[in-house]
Protein backbone atom coordinates (compact mmCIF):
# COMPACT_ATOMS: atom_id res chain seq x y z
CA MET A 1 -187.93 192.18 -3.00
CA SER A 2 -184.82 193.27 -4.87
CA ASP A 3 -183.13 191.12 -7.51
CA ILE A 4 -180.08 190.86 -5.28
CA HIS A 5 -181.99 189.57 -2.26
CA PHE A 6 -184.01 187.21 -4.44
CA LEU A 7 -180.86 185.66 -5.88
CA SER A 8 -178.80 185.62 -2.71
CA GLY A 9 -181.54 183.70 -0.92
CA PHE A 10 -180.58 180.73 -3.06
CA MET A 11 -176.84 181.26 -2.96
CA GLU A 12 -175.06 178.80 -0.66
CA PHE A 13 -171.37 177.95 -0.71
CA ASP A 14 -169.95 174.88 1.01
CA GLN A 15 -166.50 173.37 1.42
CA GLU A 16 -166.69 170.60 -1.08
CA ASN A 17 -168.60 172.15 -3.94
CA HIS A 18 -168.42 175.91 -3.27
CA LEU A 19 -172.03 176.01 -4.38
CA SER A 20 -174.79 174.03 -2.76
CA GLY A 21 -178.48 174.10 -3.50
CA LYS A 22 -179.67 173.10 -6.92
CA MET A 23 -181.85 176.22 -7.19
CA ILE A 24 -178.88 178.62 -7.63
CA LEU A 25 -178.65 178.00 -11.39
CA TYR A 26 -182.40 178.42 -11.79
CA SER A 27 -182.16 181.71 -9.90
CA LEU A 28 -179.25 182.99 -11.97
CA ASN A 29 -181.04 182.16 -15.19
CA PHE A 30 -184.31 183.70 -13.93
CA MET A 31 -182.44 186.96 -13.38
CA ILE A 32 -180.73 186.66 -16.77
CA MET A 33 -184.08 186.17 -18.53
CA LYS A 34 -185.17 189.57 -17.23
CA LYS A 35 -182.10 191.28 -18.60
CA ILE A 36 -181.10 189.82 -21.96
CA CYS A 37 -182.69 190.04 -25.39
CA THR A 38 -185.79 188.12 -26.48
CA VAL A 39 -183.77 185.83 -28.75
CA LEU A 40 -182.05 184.25 -25.73
CA LEU A 41 -185.17 183.96 -23.55
CA VAL A 42 -186.21 180.53 -24.78
CA THR A 43 -182.64 179.20 -24.63
CA VAL A 44 -182.09 180.42 -21.08
CA PHE A 45 -185.47 179.12 -19.95
CA VAL A 46 -184.79 175.63 -21.27
CA PHE A 47 -181.34 175.74 -19.74
CA SER A 48 -182.69 176.84 -16.36
CA LEU A 49 -185.17 173.97 -16.25
CA PHE A 50 -182.40 171.54 -17.09
CA SER A 51 -179.98 173.02 -14.57
CA CYS A 52 -182.49 172.77 -11.72
CA LYS A 53 -182.27 168.99 -12.01
CA SER A 54 -178.52 168.80 -12.37
CA SER A 55 -175.76 168.53 -9.82
CA LYS A 56 -172.61 170.57 -10.20
CA LYS A 57 -170.53 169.48 -13.19
CA ALA A 58 -167.69 171.04 -15.11
CA ALA A 59 -166.10 170.05 -18.38
CA GLU A 60 -162.62 168.68 -18.15
CA SER A 61 -160.11 170.98 -19.78
CA ASN A 62 -158.42 169.45 -22.81
CA ASN A 63 -155.84 172.19 -23.00
CA LYS A 64 -152.21 171.93 -22.07
CA VAL A 65 -151.17 173.88 -18.97
CA SER A 66 -149.58 176.57 -21.09
CA GLU A 67 -152.66 176.96 -23.31
CA VAL A 68 -156.10 178.36 -22.63
CA SER A 69 -159.10 177.78 -24.87
CA GLN A 70 -161.24 180.63 -26.11
CA VAL A 71 -164.05 179.65 -23.74
CA ASP A 72 -161.61 179.64 -20.82
CA LYS A 73 -160.35 183.08 -21.80
CA ASN A 74 -163.86 184.46 -21.85
CA SER A 75 -164.74 182.76 -18.57
CA GLN A 76 -161.59 184.00 -16.89
CA SER A 77 -162.32 187.55 -18.02
CA LEU A 78 -165.81 187.31 -16.58
CA GLU A 79 -164.51 185.78 -13.35
CA GLU A 80 -161.98 188.53 -12.81
CA LYS A 81 -164.50 191.25 -13.56
CA ALA A 82 -167.11 189.72 -11.25
CA ALA A 83 -164.54 189.24 -8.48
CA LYS A 84 -163.39 192.85 -8.80
CA LEU A 85 -166.97 194.12 -8.67
CA ALA A 86 -167.60 191.91 -5.64
CA CYS A 87 -164.62 193.42 -3.85
CA GLU A 88 -165.90 196.93 -4.54
CA CYS A 89 -169.29 195.90 -3.21
CA ILE A 90 -167.74 194.39 -0.07
CA LYS A 91 -165.78 197.59 0.59
CA GLN A 92 -169.01 199.57 0.56
CA GLN A 93 -170.71 197.25 3.02
CA GLY A 94 -168.78 198.39 6.09
CA ASN A 95 -169.28 195.55 8.54
CA VAL A 96 -169.33 192.55 6.23
CA ASP A 97 -171.02 189.30 7.12
CA ASP A 98 -171.81 186.10 5.25
CA ALA A 99 -175.18 187.37 3.98
CA LYS A 100 -173.71 190.62 2.62
CA TYR A 101 -170.83 188.68 1.07
CA LYS A 102 -173.25 186.44 -0.83
CA GLN A 103 -175.29 189.44 -1.96
CA CYS A 104 -172.14 191.04 -3.37
CA ILE A 105 -171.14 187.85 -5.20
CA SER A 106 -174.64 187.46 -6.67
CA ALA A 107 -175.06 191.06 -7.79
CA SER A 108 -171.53 191.32 -9.16
CA PHE A 109 -171.83 188.15 -11.22
CA LEU A 110 -175.07 189.33 -12.83
CA LYS A 111 -173.64 192.77 -13.51
CA ALA A 112 -170.54 191.28 -15.12
CA MET A 113 -172.73 189.08 -17.32
CA ASP A 114 -174.83 192.06 -18.41
CA GLU A 115 -171.70 193.89 -19.54
CA ILE A 116 -170.79 191.18 -22.05
CA GLU A 117 -171.46 192.78 -25.43
CA ASN A 118 -170.69 189.86 -27.73
CA PRO A 119 -173.84 187.68 -28.06
CA ASP A 120 -171.73 184.62 -28.84
CA GLU A 121 -169.73 185.03 -25.64
CA LYS A 122 -172.88 185.55 -23.60
CA SER A 123 -174.55 182.51 -25.15
CA LYS A 124 -171.66 180.31 -24.02
CA LEU A 125 -172.88 180.83 -20.47
CA ASN A 126 -176.01 178.92 -21.42
CA ASP A 127 -173.83 175.84 -21.12
CA MET A 128 -174.40 174.46 -17.63
CA ASN A 129 -170.79 173.36 -17.19
CA VAL A 130 -169.39 176.74 -18.13
CA LEU A 131 -171.88 178.61 -15.95
CA GLN A 132 -171.33 176.48 -12.86
CA THR A 133 -167.57 176.50 -13.20
CA THR A 134 -167.50 180.27 -13.71
CA VAL A 135 -169.60 180.98 -10.63
CA SER A 136 -167.44 178.65 -8.54
CA LYS A 137 -164.25 180.30 -9.74
CA VAL A 138 -165.54 183.78 -8.89
CA GLU A 139 -166.06 182.67 -5.29
CA SER A 140 -162.72 180.91 -5.09
CA ILE A 141 -160.64 183.83 -6.43
CA VAL A 142 -162.51 186.74 -4.84
CA SER A 143 -160.45 186.45 -1.64
CA LEU A 144 -157.25 187.04 -3.57
CA THR A 145 -158.74 189.77 -5.73
CA CYS A 146 -159.89 191.63 -2.63
CA GLY A 147 -156.37 191.75 -1.19
CA PRO A 148 -156.38 192.84 2.50
CA LEU A 149 -160.17 192.53 2.55
CA SER A 150 -159.64 188.76 2.63
CA VAL A 151 -158.39 189.02 6.20
CA LYS A 152 -161.51 191.00 7.08
CA LEU A 153 -163.69 188.35 5.43
CA LYS A 154 -162.03 185.56 7.39
CA GLN A 155 -162.38 187.50 10.63
CA ALA A 156 -166.08 187.89 9.88
CA GLY A 157 -166.39 184.12 9.48
CA VAL A 158 -166.93 184.20 5.73
CA ASN A 159 -165.76 181.02 4.01
CA VAL A 160 -163.32 181.99 1.27
CA GLY A 161 -161.08 179.73 -0.79
CA TYR A 162 -161.73 175.99 -0.80
CA GLY A 163 -162.03 175.65 2.95
CA SER A 164 -160.32 172.82 4.77
CA PRO A 165 -161.75 170.34 7.28
CA ASN A 166 -158.06 169.54 8.00
CA ILE A 167 -158.81 165.83 7.99
CA LYS A 168 -155.82 163.69 8.96
CA GLN A 169 -155.31 161.19 6.16
CA LYS A 170 -154.79 157.52 6.94
CA LEU A 171 -152.03 155.42 5.39
CA VAL A 172 -151.93 151.87 4.09
CA ASN A 173 -148.18 152.23 4.38
CA ASP A 174 -145.73 155.12 4.15
CA GLN A 175 -146.10 155.15 0.35
CA MET A 176 -149.86 155.02 -0.10
CA PHE A 177 -153.04 156.54 1.35
CA LEU A 178 -155.99 154.51 2.58
CA ILE A 179 -158.97 155.53 0.42
CA LYS A 180 -162.43 154.07 0.92
CA GLU A 181 -164.80 156.25 -1.09
CA TYR A 182 -165.58 156.60 -4.79
CA ALA A 183 -166.61 160.00 -6.12
CA THR A 184 -170.00 160.40 -7.74
CA ASP A 185 -169.36 164.03 -8.69
CA GLU A 186 -167.86 164.00 -12.18
CA THR A 187 -165.94 167.21 -11.47
CA TYR A 188 -164.02 165.75 -8.52
CA GLY A 189 -160.33 166.09 -9.32
CA TYR A 190 -160.99 167.11 -12.91
CA THR A 191 -161.53 170.83 -12.36
CA GLU A 192 -159.75 173.53 -10.43
CA SER A 193 -163.01 174.35 -8.67
CA ASN A 194 -163.22 170.85 -7.14
CA PRO A 195 -159.66 169.59 -6.57
CA ILE A 196 -158.50 166.53 -4.67
CA MET A 197 -157.53 167.83 -1.22
CA VAL A 198 -154.66 165.73 0.16
CA GLY A 199 -153.12 168.32 2.53
CA GLY A 200 -149.65 168.03 3.99
CA ALA A 201 -147.99 171.27 2.87
CA LYS A 202 -148.03 172.68 6.38
CA GLU A 203 -146.11 169.61 7.57
CA LYS A 204 -143.74 169.71 4.56
CA GLU A 205 -145.37 166.56 3.14
CA GLY A 206 -147.47 168.13 0.40
CA VAL A 207 -145.76 166.58 -2.62
CA GLN A 208 -145.39 163.28 -0.79
CA ASN A 209 -149.13 163.26 -0.08
CA GLU A 210 -149.92 163.89 -3.74
CA ILE A 211 -147.84 160.84 -4.66
CA ARG A 212 -149.42 158.78 -1.88
CA TYR A 213 -152.81 159.53 -3.38
CA LEU A 214 -151.82 158.67 -6.94
CA LYS A 215 -150.14 155.44 -5.86
CA ALA A 216 -153.41 154.28 -4.31
CA LEU A 217 -155.13 154.41 -7.71
CA THR A 218 -155.20 151.77 -10.43
CA GLY A 219 -156.97 151.30 -13.75
CA PRO A 220 -159.90 148.89 -14.32
CA LEU A 221 -157.48 145.98 -14.78
CA GLY A 222 -155.76 146.71 -11.50
CA LEU A 223 -152.57 148.05 -13.05
CA PRO A 224 -150.88 151.08 -11.43
CA VAL A 225 -151.54 154.47 -12.97
CA VAL A 226 -148.80 156.37 -14.74
CA TYR A 227 -148.57 160.02 -13.77
CA LYS A 228 -146.53 163.12 -14.51
CA ARG A 229 -146.68 166.52 -12.82
CA LEU A 230 -147.40 169.21 -15.40
CA GLY A 231 -147.07 172.25 -13.17
CA SER A 232 -149.07 174.49 -10.85
CA CYS A 233 -151.93 176.90 -11.30
CA CYS A 234 -154.84 178.67 -9.77
CA THR A 235 -153.70 180.69 -6.75
CA PHE A 236 -156.26 180.53 -3.93
CA TYR A 237 -156.69 181.49 -0.29
CA SER A 238 -155.88 178.81 2.29
CA GLU A 239 -155.39 179.05 6.02
CA ASN A 240 -152.66 176.44 5.54
CA GLY A 241 -150.93 178.38 2.77
CA ASN A 242 -147.92 180.67 2.68
CA ASP A 243 -148.11 184.34 3.63
CA PRO A 244 -145.81 186.43 1.40
CA GLY A 245 -146.16 189.35 3.79
CA ASP A 246 -149.56 190.85 3.00
CA GLY A 247 -151.50 188.87 5.59
CA ILE A 248 -153.13 186.62 2.98
CA ARG A 249 -152.19 182.95 3.11
CA ARG A 250 -152.35 181.33 -0.29
CA GLY A 251 -151.62 178.13 -2.13
CA LEU A 252 -151.42 176.68 -5.64
CA LEU A 253 -153.02 173.62 -7.18
CA ASP A 254 -150.76 171.02 -8.77
CA ILE A 255 -151.81 169.50 -12.09
CA TYR A 256 -150.96 165.89 -12.91
CA GLU A 257 -151.32 164.10 -16.20
CA VAL A 258 -152.58 160.61 -15.35
CA MET A 259 -153.00 157.51 -17.50
CA HIS A 260 -154.42 154.08 -16.68
CA ASP A 261 -154.97 150.88 -18.65
CA GLY A 262 -158.53 151.80 -19.56
CA LEU A 263 -157.82 155.21 -21.07
CA GLU A 264 -156.94 156.06 -24.65
CA THR A 265 -155.55 159.47 -23.72
CA PRO A 266 -154.30 160.84 -20.38
CA VAL A 267 -156.51 162.95 -18.14
CA LYS A 268 -155.58 165.87 -15.90
CA LEU A 269 -156.17 165.79 -12.16
CA TYR A 270 -156.02 168.88 -9.94
CA ILE A 271 -154.59 168.28 -6.47
CA ASN A 272 -154.57 170.63 -3.47
CA MET A 273 -151.71 169.96 -1.05
CA TYR A 274 -152.69 172.80 1.29
CA ASP A 275 -156.20 171.75 2.28
CA SER A 276 -157.27 168.31 3.41
CA ASP A 277 -160.63 166.57 3.00
CA VAL A 278 -162.01 163.05 2.63
CA LEU A 279 -160.19 161.41 -0.27
CA LYS A 280 -162.15 159.72 -3.03
CA VAL A 281 -161.45 157.80 -6.22
CA PRO A 282 -162.32 160.01 -9.24
CA VAL A 283 -164.68 158.82 -11.95
CA GLY A 284 -163.23 157.74 -15.28
CA GLY A 285 -162.36 154.07 -14.75
CA PHE A 286 -160.10 154.54 -11.72
CA THR A 287 -160.14 151.88 -9.02
CA LEU A 288 -158.21 151.21 -5.82
CA LYS A 289 -155.07 149.17 -5.43
CA LYS A 290 -155.76 145.91 -3.60
């Protein structure tokens, strides 16, 4: 069995988390252990055992929107390289399907990792949060990197972008959403790979829906949250997005700085106004307005 088929057998992407199946990190690290130097073998092995037991997490970015940390720069470089390699692989496949798509993502990610020459940069991928976030981002940006191939992928039934169940959100009133669930995933809303999906852009209510979501939240003492929109980022494919003329519908995430009565410093929440899914209260002391 080839390395690619071995790895892709564990690779599953779903709408909420992009990656499902706890064995994917074990598989990635198993492949890495066969390819990197002896010094990193023990580190990767320990990490792989730990990651098998862990659900998807990602570290909250402490950077301002206009700044990118060194780790983010390295990750982004790896993401772009892996996405580009994946597109080249997809082009060579001819009739692409979901299985071939996953094989290309798997093989391209490993190849991009192998090409990292700096040991310090490579060792950063031993951090579970960095590894998981990087793999998720590769999948979420590959549709844009592939250009017109994205249309082909969608026609073949391959899930690219965040995906959207197109759930119709319910309102408490015109100013506030009805939210019933609390997130258990620590990445929900805190990372671009797992944004809060409020929808509404297609109906010209995207910004209004973002505000409706934020107005439903309070801090632990029940006081309203204070929020400020910082800007947009992270172009992605969305069937509900805008087509600039190349046949690829795309959207942007909005980033909000949010503060509640239980926080010492504000946090950043990523909100997707193009896709719509079940809304949840993020972790971090947030509660619901009563």
